[in-house]
Amino acid sequence: MFADAKIDKFAIRNVVPRLVFQSLSVIIATSTVAAMFPFFGDINAVIGAFGCIPLDFVLPMVFYNVTSKPSKHGLIFWANTLIATIFSALGLLGAISSIRQIVLDAKTYHFFANL
């Protein structure tokens, strides 16, 4: 109905409806979830602590050390190890503090409290 299987999948006729419907579904889902949970930001903080910090700061350093095998006596190896260790600790502290904040917010939790 909205797409044409006979033309290229990246043609404007096929891309625009897919983009619109995917965007609408994400907007509706996240706004509903955000409205249901007054501490939606705290949940995002947990996701960020477990997902963003390791993927952005820890894993690239570890992967560089594993794949490039710099000398263990060199500055690069120890700088990468230090960065991975510090950001692992920060990620752990961020996860603990955001879970603590969820527990504190859950005491006063009500569905659709801000509407």
PDB file of N, CA and C in Angstrom:
ATOM      1  N   MET A   1       0.818  -1.180   0.000  1.00  0.00           N
ATOM      2  CA  MET A   1       0.000   0.000   0.000  1.00  0.00           C
ATOM      3  C   MET A   1       0.872   1.259   0.000  1.00  0.00           C
ATOM      4  N   PHE A   2       1.917   1.277   0.850  1.00  0.00           N
ATOM      5  CA  PHE A   2       2.768   2.450   0.921  1.00  0.00           C
ATOM      6  C   PHE A   2       4.075   2.267   0.163  1.00  0.00           C
ATOM      7  N   ALA A   3       4.495   1.048  -0.035  1.00  0.00           N
ATOM      8  CA  ALA A   3       5.770   0.780  -0.706  1.00  0.00           C
ATOM      9  C   ALA A   3       5.513   0.027  -1.999  1.00  0.00           C
ATOM     10  N   ASP A   4       6.483   0.069  -2.875  1.00  0.00           N
ATOM     11  CA  ASP A   4       6.394  -0.618  -4.158  1.00  0.00           C
ATOM     12  C   ASP A   4       7.547  -1.609  -4.252  1.00  0.00           C
ATOM     13  N   ALA A   5       7.217  -2.884  -4.267  1.00  0.00           N
ATOM     14  CA  ALA A   5       8.237  -3.927  -4.277  1.00  0.00           C
ATOM     15  C   ALA A   5       8.953  -4.033  -5.613  1.00  0.00           C
ATOM     16  N   LYS A   6       8.390  -3.434  -6.656  1.00  0.00           N
ATOM     17  CA  LYS A   6       8.988  -3.548  -7.990  1.00  0.00           C
ATOM     18  C   LYS A   6      10.136  -2.573  -8.208  1.00  0.00           C
ATOM     19  N   ILE A   7      10.248  -1.550  -7.366  1.00  0.00           N
ATOM     20  CA  ILE A   7      11.341  -0.595  -7.536  1.00  0.00           C
ATOM     21  C   ILE A   7      12.378  -0.810  -6.445  1.00  0.00           C
ATOM     22  N   ASP A   8      13.471  -0.082  -6.533  1.00  0.00           N
ATOM     23  CA  ASP A   8      14.585  -0.228  -5.590  1.00  0.00           C
ATOM     24  C   ASP A   8      14.130   0.054  -4.156  1.00  0.00           C
ATOM     25  N   LYS A   9      14.672  -0.694  -3.214  1.00  0.00           N
ATOM     26  CA  LYS A   9      14.252  -0.517  -1.815  1.00  0.00           C
ATOM     27  C   LYS A   9      14.690   0.817  -1.232  1.00  0.00           C
ATOM     28  N   PHE A  10      15.659   1.492  -1.857  1.00  0.00           N
ATOM     29  CA  PHE A  10      16.107   2.794  -1.380  1.00  0.00           C
ATOM     30  C   PHE A  10      15.518   3.944  -2.199  1.00  0.00           C
ATOM     31  N   ALA A  11      14.521   3.652  -3.014  1.00  0.00           N
ATOM     32  CA  ALA A  11      13.846   4.716  -3.754  1.00  0.00           C
ATOM     33  C   ALA A  11      13.025   5.556  -2.777  1.00  0.00           C
ATOM     34  N   ILE A  12      12.792   6.806  -3.131  1.00  0.00           N
ATOM     35  CA  ILE A  12      12.059   7.730  -2.260  1.00  0.00           C
ATOM     36  C   ILE A  12      10.697   7.153  -1.884  1.00  0.00           C
ATOM     37  N   ARG A  13      10.025   6.516  -2.839  1.00  0.00           N
ATOM     38  CA  ARG A  13       8.699   5.947  -2.581  1.00  0.00           C
ATOM     39  C   ARG A  13       8.741   4.882  -1.484  1.00  0.00           C
ATOM     40  N   ASN A  14       9.833   4.189  -1.341  1.00  0.00           N
ATOM     41  CA  ASN A  14       9.945   3.154  -0.321  1.00  0.00           C
ATOM     42  C   ASN A  14      10.571   3.671   0.971  1.00  0.00           C
ATOM     43  N   VAL A  15      11.440   4.646   0.889  1.00  0.00           N
ATOM     44  CA  VAL A  15      12.154   5.126   2.071  1.00  0.00           C
ATOM     45  C   VAL A  15      11.285   6.025   2.937  1.00  0.00           C
ATOM     46  N   VAL A  16      10.541   6.938   2.316  1.00  0.00           N
ATOM     47  CA  VAL A  16       9.767   7.920   3.081  1.00  0.00           C
ATOM     48  C   VAL A  16       8.712   7.265   3.975  1.00  0.00           C
ATOM     49  N   PRO A  17       7.869   6.359   3.468  1.00  0.00           N
ATOM     50  CA  PRO A  17       6.893   5.739   4.384  1.00  0.00           C
ATOM     51  C   PRO A  17       7.550   4.959   5.518  1.00  0.00           C
ATOM     52  N   ARG A  18       8.630   4.279   5.203  1.00  0.00           N
ATOM     53  CA  ARG A  18       9.326   3.512   6.243  1.00  0.00           C
ATOM     54  C   ARG A  18       9.901   4.445   7.301  1.00  0.00           C
ATOM     55  N   LEU A  19      10.496   5.539   6.873  1.00  0.00           N
ATOM     56  CA  LEU A  19      11.046   6.521   7.804  1.00  0.00           C
ATOM     57  C   LEU A  19       9.949   7.141   8.670  1.00  0.00           C
ATOM     58  N   VAL A  20       8.829   7.478   8.059  1.00  0.00           N
ATOM     59  CA  VAL A  20       7.721   8.094   8.801  1.00  0.00           C
ATOM     60  C   VAL A  20       7.158   7.117   9.828  1.00  0.00           C
ATOM     61  N   PHE A  21       6.875   5.889   9.419  1.00  0.00           N
ATOM     62  CA  PHE A  21       6.277   4.931  10.342  1.00  0.00           C
ATOM     63  C   PHE A  21       7.232   4.494  11.445  1.00  0.00           C
ATOM     64  N   GLN A  22       8.503   4.344  11.130  1.00  0.00           N
ATOM     65  CA  GLN A  22       9.471   4.000  12.172  1.00  0.00           C
ATOM     66  C   GLN A  22       9.633   5.144  13.156  1.00  0.00           C
ATOM     67  N   SER A  23       9.678   6.356  12.656  1.00  0.00           N
ATOM     68  CA  SER A  23       9.804   7.513  13.547  1.00  0.00           C
ATOM     69  C   SER A  23       8.574   7.655  14.431  1.00  0.00           C
ATOM     70  N   LEU A  24       7.393   7.491  13.854  1.00  0.00           N
ATOM     71  CA  LEU A  24       6.169   7.591  14.648  1.00  0.00           C
ATOM     72  C   LEU A  24       6.099   6.506  15.715  1.00  0.00           C
ATOM     73  N   SER A  25       6.488   5.292  15.366  1.00  0.00           N
ATOM     74  CA  SER A  25       6.426   4.215  16.358  1.00  0.00           C
ATOM     75  C   SER A  25       7.391   4.469  17.506  1.00  0.00           C
ATOM     76  N   VAL A  26       8.577   4.974  17.205  1.00  0.00           N
ATOM     77  CA  VAL A  26       9.536   5.285  18.265  1.00  0.00           C
ATOM     78  C   VAL A  26       9.034   6.444  19.122  1.00  0.00           C
ATOM     79  N   ILE A  27       8.488   7.468  18.493  1.00  0.00           N
ATOM     80  CA  ILE A  27       7.976   8.622  19.241  1.00  0.00           C
ATOM     81  C   ILE A  27       6.824   8.206  20.152  1.00  0.00           C
ATOM     82  N   ILE A  28       5.903   7.433  19.631  1.00  0.00           N
ATOM     83  CA  ILE A  28       4.755   7.006  20.443  1.00  0.00           C
ATOM     84  C   ILE A  28       5.198   6.089  21.574  1.00  0.00           C
ATOM     85  N   ALA A  29       6.069   5.141  21.273  1.00  0.00           N
ATOM     86  CA  ALA A  29       6.524   4.201  22.310  1.00  0.00           C
ATOM     87  C   ALA A  29       7.301   4.909  23.406  1.00  0.00           C
ATOM     88  N   THR A  30       8.224   5.769  23.028  1.00  0.00           N
ATOM     89  CA  THR A  30       9.035   6.420  24.059  1.00  0.00           C
ATOM     90  C   THR A  30       8.248   7.465  24.835  1.00  0.00           C
ATOM     91  N   SER A  31       7.337   8.170  24.169  1.00  0.00           N
ATOM     92  CA  SER A  31       6.553   9.160  24.923  1.00  0.00           C
ATOM     93  C   SER A  31       5.573   8.473  25.863  1.00  0.00           C
ATOM     94  N   THR A  32       5.049   7.323  25.469  1.00  0.00           N
ATOM     95  CA  THR A  32       4.174   6.570  26.370  1.00  0.00           C
ATOM     96  C   THR A  32       4.964   6.049  27.559  1.00  0.00           C
ATOM     97  N   VAL A  33       6.116   5.488  27.303  1.00  0.00           N
ATOM     98  CA  VAL A  33       6.949   4.992  28.396  1.00  0.00           C
ATOM     99  C   VAL A  33       7.400   6.148  29.287  1.00  0.00           C
ATOM    100  N   ALA A  34       7.796   7.263  28.680  1.00  0.00           N
ATOM    101  CA  ALA A  34       8.234   8.420  29.461  1.00  0.00           C
ATOM    102  C   ALA A  34       7.094   8.980  30.297  1.00  0.00           C
ATOM    103  N   ALA A  35       5.873   8.946  29.782  1.00  0.00           N
ATOM    104  CA  ALA A  35       4.734   9.445  30.547  1.00  0.00           C
ATOM    105  C   ALA A  35       4.360   8.477  31.671  1.00  0.00           C
ATOM    106  N   MET A  36       4.556   7.186  31.445  1.00  0.00           N
ATOM    107  CA  MET A  36       4.214   6.206  32.475  1.00  0.00           C
ATOM    108  C   MET A  36       5.204   6.234  33.628  1.00  0.00           C
ATOM    109  N   PHE A  37       6.450   6.507  33.335  1.00  0.00           N
ATOM    110  CA  PHE A  37       7.479   6.495  34.354  1.00  0.00           C
ATOM    111  C   PHE A  37       7.998   7.909  34.607  1.00  0.00           C
ATOM    112  N   PRO A  38       7.644   8.498  35.720  1.00  0.00           N
ATOM    113  CA  PRO A  38       8.143   9.842  36.010  1.00  0.00           C
ATOM    114  C   PRO A  38       9.660   9.881  36.153  1.00  0.00           C
ATOM    115  N   PHE A  39      10.294   8.764  36.394  1.00  0.00           N
ATOM    116  CA  PHE A  39      11.749   8.705  36.510  1.00  0.00           C
ATOM    117  C   PHE A  39      12.375   8.073  35.277  1.00  0.00           C
ATOM    118  N   PHE A  40      11.848   8.417  34.109  1.00  0.00           N
ATOM    119  CA  PHE A  40      12.350   7.894  32.847  1.00  0.00           C
ATOM    120  C   PHE A  40      13.821   8.272  32.638  1.00  0.00           C
ATOM    121  N   GLY A  41      14.207   9.452  33.089  1.00  0.00           N
ATOM    122  CA  GLY A  41      15.601   9.876  32.992  1.00  0.00           C
ATOM    123  C   GLY A  41      16.528   8.993  33.804  1.00  0.00           C
ATOM    124  N   ASP A  42      16.040   8.511  34.935  1.00  0.00           N
ATOM    125  CA  ASP A  42      16.852   7.607  35.749  1.00  0.00           C
ATOM    126  C   ASP A  42      17.071   6.272  35.040  1.00  0.00           C
ATOM    127  N   ILE A  43      16.052   5.800  34.340  1.00  0.00           N
ATOM    128  CA  ILE A  43      16.190   4.556  33.578  1.00  0.00           C
ATOM    129  C   ILE A  43      17.197   4.765  32.444  1.00  0.00           C
ATOM    130  N   ASN A  44      17.130   5.922  31.806  1.00  0.00           N
ATOM    131  CA  ASN A  44      18.127   6.225  30.767  1.00  0.00           C
ATOM    132  C   ASN A  44      19.531   6.289  31.349  1.00  0.00           C
ATOM    133  N   ALA A  45      19.659   6.749  32.577  1.00  0.00           N
ATOM    134  CA  ALA A  45      20.971   6.801  33.228  1.00  0.00           C
ATOM    135  C   ALA A  45      21.530   5.394  33.450  1.00  0.00           C
ATOM    136  N   VAL A  46      20.675   4.454  33.825  1.00  0.00           N
ATOM    137  CA  VAL A  46      21.118   3.065  33.998  1.00  0.00           C
ATOM    138  C   VAL A  46      21.582   2.494  32.664  1.00  0.00           C
ATOM    139  N   ILE A  47      20.791   2.730  31.632  1.00  0.00           N
ATOM    140  CA  ILE A  47      21.152   2.234  30.302  1.00  0.00           C
ATOM    141  C   ILE A  47      22.467   2.860  29.848  1.00  0.00           C
ATOM    142  N   GLY A  48      22.639   4.148  30.113  1.00  0.00           N
ATOM    143  CA  GLY A  48      23.884   4.813  29.744  1.00  0.00           C
ATOM    144  C   GLY A  48      25.077   4.283  30.512  1.00  0.00           C
ATOM    145  N   ALA A  49      24.869   4.008  31.800  1.00  0.00           N
ATOM    146  CA  ALA A  49      25.972   3.503  32.617  1.00  0.00           C
ATOM    147  C   ALA A  49      26.398   2.107  32.176  1.00  0.00           C
ATOM    148  N   PHE A  50      25.429   1.278  31.797  1.00  0.00           N
ATOM    149  CA  PHE A  50      25.764  -0.080  31.380  1.00  0.00           C
ATOM    150  C   PHE A  50      26.118  -0.182  29.904  1.00  0.00           C
ATOM    151  N   GLY A  51      25.597   0.733  29.087  1.00  0.00           N
ATOM    152  CA  GLY A  51      25.805   0.620  27.655  1.00  0.00           C
ATOM    153  C   GLY A  51      26.774   1.627  27.073  1.00  0.00           C
ATOM    154  N   CYS A  52      26.584   2.876  27.392  1.00  0.00           N
ATOM    155  CA  CYS A  52      27.358   3.937  26.745  1.00  0.00           C
ATOM    156  C   CYS A  52      28.808   3.967  27.227  1.00  0.00           C
ATOM    157  N   ILE A  53      29.017   3.958  28.503  1.00  0.00           N
ATOM    158  CA  ILE A  53      30.386   4.074  29.026  1.00  0.00           C
ATOM    159  C   ILE A  53      31.265   2.895  28.590  1.00  0.00           C
ATOM    160  N   PRO A  54      30.821   1.648  28.735  1.00  0.00           N
ATOM    161  CA  PRO A  54      31.700   0.565  28.263  1.00  0.00           C
ATOM    162  C   PRO A  54      31.944   0.592  26.761  1.00  0.00           C
ATOM    163  N   LEU A  55      30.904   0.889  25.973  1.00  0.00           N
ATOM    164  CA  LEU A  55      31.081   0.868  24.519  1.00  0.00           C
ATOM    165  C   LEU A  55      31.919   2.025  24.008  1.00  0.00           C
ATOM    166  N   ASP A  56      31.864   3.150  24.682  1.00  0.00           N
ATOM    167  CA  ASP A  56      32.588   4.326  24.197  1.00  0.00           C
ATOM    168  C   ASP A  56      33.991   4.452  24.767  1.00  0.00           C
ATOM    169  N   PHE A  57      34.210   4.045  25.992  1.00  0.00           N
ATOM    170  CA  PHE A  57      35.476   4.329  26.653  1.00  0.00           C
ATOM    171  C   PHE A  57      36.287   3.099  27.024  1.00  0.00           C
ATOM    172  N   VAL A  58      35.640   2.010  27.354  1.00  0.00           N
ATOM    173  CA  VAL A  58      36.375   0.841  27.849  1.00  0.00           C
ATOM    174  C   VAL A  58      36.752  -0.112  26.710  1.00  0.00           C
ATOM    175  N   LEU A  59      35.766  -0.551  25.947  1.00  0.00           N
ATOM    176  CA  LEU A  59      36.039  -1.563  24.923  1.00  0.00           C
ATOM    177  C   LEU A  59      37.023  -1.111  23.843  1.00  0.00           C
ATOM    178  N   PRO A  60      36.981   0.139  23.360  1.00  0.00           N
ATOM    179  CA  PRO A  60      38.000   0.512  22.360  1.00  0.00           C
ATOM    180  C   PRO A  60      39.429   0.400  22.888  1.00  0.00           C
ATOM    181  N   MET A  61      39.630   0.741  24.153  1.00  0.00           N
ATOM    182  CA  MET A  61      40.979   0.648  24.724  1.00  0.00           C
ATOM    183  C   MET A  61      41.416  -0.809  24.861  1.00  0.00           C
ATOM    184  N   VAL A  62      40.507  -1.634  25.327  1.00  0.00           N
ATOM    185  CA  VAL A  62      40.819  -3.063  25.486  1.00  0.00           C
ATOM    186  C   VAL A  62      41.064  -3.697  24.123  1.00  0.00           C
ATOM    187  N   PHE A  63      40.187  -3.395  23.157  1.00  0.00           N
ATOM    188  CA  PHE A  63      40.355  -3.972  21.822  1.00  0.00           C
ATOM    189  C   PHE A  63      41.654  -3.515  21.165  1.00  0.00           C
ATOM    190  N   TYR A  64      42.031  -2.256  21.383  1.00  0.00           N
ATOM    191  CA  TYR A  64      43.302  -1.780  20.824  1.00  0.00           C
ATOM    192  C   TYR A  64      44.462  -2.554  21.431  1.00  0.00           C
ATOM    193  N   ASN A  65      44.437  -2.735  22.736  1.00  0.00           N
ATOM    194  CA  ASN A  65      45.520  -3.479  23.389  1.00  0.00           C
ATOM    195  C   ASN A  65      45.558  -4.930  22.926  1.00  0.00           C
ATOM    196  N   VAL A  66      44.402  -5.528  22.691  1.00  0.00           N
ATOM    197  CA  VAL A  66      44.365  -6.931  22.281  1.00  0.00           C
ATOM    198  C   VAL A  66      44.792  -7.088  20.825  1.00  0.00           C
ATOM    199  N   THR A  67      44.296  -6.204  19.956  1.00  0.00           N
ATOM    200  CA  THR A  67      44.589  -6.388  18.533  1.00  0.00           C
ATOM    201  C   THR A  67      45.965  -5.866  18.135  1.00  0.00           C
ATOM    202  N   SER A  68      46.369  -4.721  18.668  1.00  0.00           N
ATOM    203  CA  SER A  68      47.649  -4.127  18.266  1.00  0.00           C
ATOM    204  C   SER A  68      48.826  -4.664  19.067  1.00  0.00           C
ATOM    205  N   LYS A  69      48.538  -5.215  20.223  1.00  0.00           N
ATOM    206  CA  LYS A  69      49.563  -5.772  21.104  1.00  0.00           C
ATOM    207  C   LYS A  69      50.740  -4.808  21.308  1.00  0.00           C
ATOM    208  N   PRO A  70      50.455  -3.606  21.856  1.00  0.00           N
ATOM    209  CA  PRO A  70      51.570  -2.703  22.146  1.00  0.00           C
ATOM    210  C   PRO A  70      52.428  -3.279  23.275  1.00  0.00           C
ATOM    211  N   SER A  71      53.649  -2.812  23.353  1.00  0.00           N
ATOM    212  CA  SER A  71      54.567  -3.297  24.382  1.00  0.00           C
ATOM    213  C   SER A  71      54.012  -2.993  25.772  1.00  0.00           C
ATOM    214  N   LYS A  72      54.124  -3.968  26.663  1.00  0.00           N
ATOM    215  CA  LYS A  72      53.631  -3.767  28.025  1.00  0.00           C
ATOM    216  C   LYS A  72      54.497  -2.792  28.808  1.00  0.00           C
ATOM    217  N   HIS A  73      55.602  -2.419  28.233  1.00  0.00           N
ATOM    218  CA  HIS A  73      56.475  -1.433  28.877  1.00  0.00           C
ATOM    219  C   HIS A  73      56.250  -0.042  28.295  1.00  0.00           C
ATOM    220  N   GLY A  74      55.376   0.047  27.296  1.00  0.00           N
ATOM    221  CA  GLY A  74      55.162   1.323  26.616  1.00  0.00           C
ATOM    222  C   GLY A  74      54.051   2.152  27.247  1.00  0.00           C
ATOM    223  N   LEU A  75      54.034   3.412  26.896  1.00  0.00           N
ATOM    224  CA  LEU A  75      53.064   4.359  27.423  1.00  0.00           C
ATOM    225  C   LEU A  75      51.653   4.079  26.901  1.00  0.00           C
ATOM    226  N   ILE A  76      51.528   3.683  25.648  1.00  0.00           N
ATOM    227  CA  ILE A  76      50.212   3.450  25.044  1.00  0.00           C
ATOM    228  C   ILE A  76      49.457   2.351  25.784  1.00  0.00           C
ATOM    229  N   PHE A  77      50.127   1.248  26.050  1.00  0.00           N
ATOM    230  CA  PHE A  77      49.487   0.136  26.748  1.00  0.00           C
ATOM    231  C   PHE A  77      48.967   0.573  28.110  1.00  0.00           C
ATOM    232  N   TRP A  78      49.799   1.247  28.875  1.00  0.00           N
ATOM    233  CA  TRP A  78      49.404   1.622  30.230  1.00  0.00           C
ATOM    234  C   TRP A  78      48.393   2.765  30.230  1.00  0.00           C
ATOM    235  N   ALA A  79      48.456   3.653  29.260  1.00  0.00           N
ATOM    236  CA  ALA A  79      47.442   4.710  29.153  1.00  0.00           C
ATOM    237  C   ALA A  79      46.080   4.101  28.821  1.00  0.00           C
ATOM    238  N   ASN A  80      46.050   3.162  27.889  1.00  0.00           N
ATOM    239  CA  ASN A  80      44.796   2.489  27.550  1.00  0.00           C
ATOM    240  C   ASN A  80      44.259   1.690  28.729  1.00  0.00           C
ATOM    241  N   THR A  81      45.134   1.005  29.429  1.00  0.00           N
ATOM    242  CA  THR A  81      44.714   0.234  30.594  1.00  0.00           C
ATOM    243  C   THR A  81      44.182   1.146  31.690  1.00  0.00           C
ATOM    244  N   LEU A  82      44.846   2.264  31.902  1.00  0.00           N
ATOM    245  CA  LEU A  82      44.396   3.230  32.909  1.00  0.00           C
ATOM    246  C   LEU A  82      43.038   3.819  32.531  1.00  0.00           C
ATOM    247  N   ILE A  83      42.852   4.188  31.270  1.00  0.00           N
ATOM    248  CA  ILE A  83      41.568   4.731  30.819  1.00  0.00           C
ATOM    249  C   ILE A  83      40.464   3.690  30.983  1.00  0.00           C
ATOM    250  N   ALA A  84      40.726   2.452  30.583  1.00  0.00           N
ATOM    251  CA  ALA A  84      39.717   1.394  30.708  1.00  0.00           C
ATOM    252  C   ALA A  84      39.369   1.145  32.179  1.00  0.00           C
ATOM    253  N   THR A  85      40.357   1.168  33.055  1.00  0.00           N
ATOM    254  CA  THR A  85      40.108   0.935  34.478  1.00  0.00           C
ATOM    255  C   THR A  85      39.312   2.073  35.096  1.00  0.00           C
ATOM    256  N   ILE A  86      39.707   3.304  34.814  1.00  0.00           N
ATOM    257  CA  ILE A  86      39.011   4.468  35.396  1.00  0.00           C
ATOM    258  C   ILE A  86      37.567   4.520  34.913  1.00  0.00           C
ATOM    259  N   PHE A  87      37.348   4.343  33.621  1.00  0.00           N
ATOM    260  CA  PHE A  87      35.982   4.430  33.117  1.00  0.00           C
ATOM    261  C   PHE A  87      35.148   3.217  33.493  1.00  0.00           C
ATOM    262  N   SER A  88      35.765   2.075  33.744  1.00  0.00           N
ATOM    263  CA  SER A  88      35.013   0.939  34.285  1.00  0.00           C
ATOM    264  C   SER A  88      34.504   1.266  35.685  1.00  0.00           C
ATOM    265  N   ALA A  89      35.373   1.883  36.486  1.00  0.00           N
ATOM    266  CA  ALA A  89      34.955   2.292  37.832  1.00  0.00           C
ATOM    267  C   ALA A  89      33.867   3.359  37.764  1.00  0.00           C
ATOM    268  N   LEU A  90      34.012   4.326  36.857  1.00  0.00           N
ATOM    269  CA  LEU A  90      32.990   5.365  36.710  1.00  0.00           C
ATOM    270  C   LEU A  90      31.662   4.784  36.230  1.00  0.00           C
ATOM    271  N   GLY A  91      31.718   3.816  35.322  1.00  0.00           N
ATOM    272  CA  GLY A  91      30.497   3.155  34.867  1.00  0.00           C
ATOM    273  C   GLY A  91      29.813   2.406  35.990  1.00  0.00           C
ATOM    274  N   LEU A  92      30.599   1.741  36.817  1.00  0.00           N
ATOM    275  CA  LEU A  92      30.045   1.027  37.963  1.00  0.00           C
ATOM    276  C   LEU A  92      29.421   1.995  38.963  1.00  0.00           C
ATOM    277  N   LEU A  93      30.120   3.093  39.252  1.00  0.00           N
ATOM    278  CA  LEU A  93      29.564   4.105  40.158  1.00  0.00           C
ATOM    279  C   LEU A  93      28.298   4.742  39.578  1.00  0.00           C
ATOM    280  N   GLY A  94      28.305   4.998  38.270  1.00  0.00           N
ATOM    281  CA  GLY A  94      27.115   5.548  37.628  1.00  0.00           C
ATOM    282  C   GLY A  94      25.939   4.596  37.682  1.00  0.00           C
ATOM    283  N   ALA A  95      26.199   3.310  37.477  1.00  0.00           N
ATOM    284  CA  ALA A  95      25.120   2.322  37.552  1.00  0.00           C
ATOM    285  C   ALA A  95      24.568   2.225  38.968  1.00  0.00           C
ATOM    286  N   ILE A  96      25.441   2.207  39.955  1.00  0.00           N
ATOM    287  CA  ILE A  96      24.992   2.139  41.350  1.00  0.00           C
ATOM    288  C   ILE A  96      24.173   3.365  41.710  1.00  0.00           C
ATOM    289  N   SER A  97      24.655   4.548  41.341  1.00  0.00           N
ATOM    290  CA  SER A  97      23.927   5.759  41.717  1.00  0.00           C
ATOM    291  C   SER A  97      22.603   5.886  40.973  1.00  0.00           C
ATOM    292  N   SER A  98      22.544   5.474  39.712  1.00  0.00           N
ATOM    293  CA  SER A  98      21.274   5.571  38.996  1.00  0.00           C
ATOM    294  C   SER A  98      20.272   4.532  39.493  1.00  0.00           C
ATOM    295  N   ILE A  99      20.733   3.354  39.867  1.00  0.00           N
ATOM    296  CA  ILE A  99      19.813   2.364  40.447  1.00  0.00           C
ATOM    297  C   ILE A  99      19.329   2.848  41.808  1.00  0.00           C
ATOM    298  N   ARG A 100      20.208   3.464  42.569  1.00  0.00           N
ATOM    299  CA  ARG A 100      19.806   4.043  43.859  1.00  0.00           C
ATOM    300  C   ARG A 100      18.739   5.115  43.663  1.00  0.00           C
ATOM    301  N   GLN A 101      18.912   5.943  42.636  1.00  0.00           N
ATOM    302  CA  GLN A 101      17.932   6.999  42.374  1.00  0.00           C
ATOM    303  C   GLN A 101      16.589   6.409  41.944  1.00  0.00           C
ATOM    304  N   ILE A 102      16.601   5.321  41.195  1.00  0.00           N
ATOM    305  CA  ILE A 102      15.346   4.654  40.824  1.00  0.00           C
ATOM    306  C   ILE A 102      14.648   4.124  42.066  1.00  0.00           C
ATOM    307  N   VAL A 103      15.408   3.533  42.979  1.00  0.00           N
ATOM    308  CA  VAL A 103      14.817   3.010  44.216  1.00  0.00           C
ATOM    309  C   VAL A 103      14.201   4.150  45.029  1.00  0.00           C
ATOM    310  N   LEU A 104      14.890   5.275  45.107  1.00  0.00           N
ATOM    311  CA  LEU A 104      14.345   6.420  45.844  1.00  0.00           C
ATOM    312  C   LEU A 104      13.102   6.981  45.161  1.00  0.00           C
ATOM    313  N   ASP A 105      13.111   7.055  43.835  1.00  0.00           N
ATOM    314  CA  ASP A 105      11.952   7.577  43.104  1.00  0.00           C
ATOM    315  C   ASP A 105      10.781   6.601  43.125  1.00  0.00           C
ATOM    316  N   ALA A 106      11.062   5.316  43.254  1.00  0.00           N
ATOM    317  CA  ALA A 106       9.991   4.322  43.235  1.00  0.00           C
ATOM    318  C   ALA A 106       9.088   4.424  44.455  1.00  0.00           C
ATOM    319  N   LYS A 107       9.580   5.035  45.512  1.00  0.00           N
ATOM    320  CA  LYS A 107       8.755   5.182  46.719  1.00  0.00           C
ATOM    321  C   LYS A 107       7.583   6.129  46.490  1.00  0.00           C
ATOM    322  N   THR A 108       7.752   7.080  45.602  1.00  0.00           N
ATOM    323  CA  THR A 108       6.687   8.048  45.313  1.00  0.00           C
ATOM    324  C   THR A 108       6.137   7.855  43.904  1.00  0.00           C
ATOM    325  N   TYR A 109       6.199   6.651  43.384  1.00  0.00           N
ATOM    326  CA  TYR A 109       5.848   6.343  42.001  1.00  0.00           C
ATOM    327  C   TYR A 109       4.342   6.283  41.805  1.00  0.00           C
ATOM    328  N   HIS A 110       3.867   6.936  40.757  1.00  0.00           N
ATOM    329  CA  HIS A 110       2.468   6.847  40.329  1.00  0.00           C
ATOM    330  C   HIS A 110       2.456   6.870  38.803  1.00  0.00           C
ATOM    331  N   PHE A 111       1.596   6.027  38.194  1.00  0.00           N
ATOM    332  CA  PHE A 111       1.468   6.049  36.746  1.00  0.00           C
ATOM    333  C   PHE A 111       0.973   7.412  36.282  1.00  0.00           C
ATOM    334  N   PHE A 112       1.556   7.909  35.231  1.00  0.00           N
ATOM    335  CA  PHE A 112       1.168   9.186  34.617  1.00  0.00           C
ATOM    336  C   PHE A 112       1.085  10.301  35.635  1.00  0.00           C
ATOM    337  N   ALA A 113       2.060  10.385  36.527  1.00  0.00           N
ATOM    338  CA  ALA A 113       2.026  11.350  37.639  1.00  0.00           C
ATOM    339  C   ALA A 113       2.142  12.782  37.160  1.00  0.00           C
ATOM    340  N   ASN A 114       2.827  13.045  36.070  1.00  0.00           N
ATOM    341  CA  ASN A 114       3.058  14.410  35.643  1.00  0.00           C
ATOM    342  C   ASN A 114       2.006  14.920  34.658  1.00  0.00           C
ATOM    343  N   LEU A 115       1.007  14.123  34.327  1.00  0.00           N
ATOM    344  CA  LEU A 115       0.011  14.553  33.339  1.00  0.00           C
ATOM    345  C   LEU A 115      -1.159  15.219  33.994  1.00  0.00           C
TER     346      LEU A 115
END
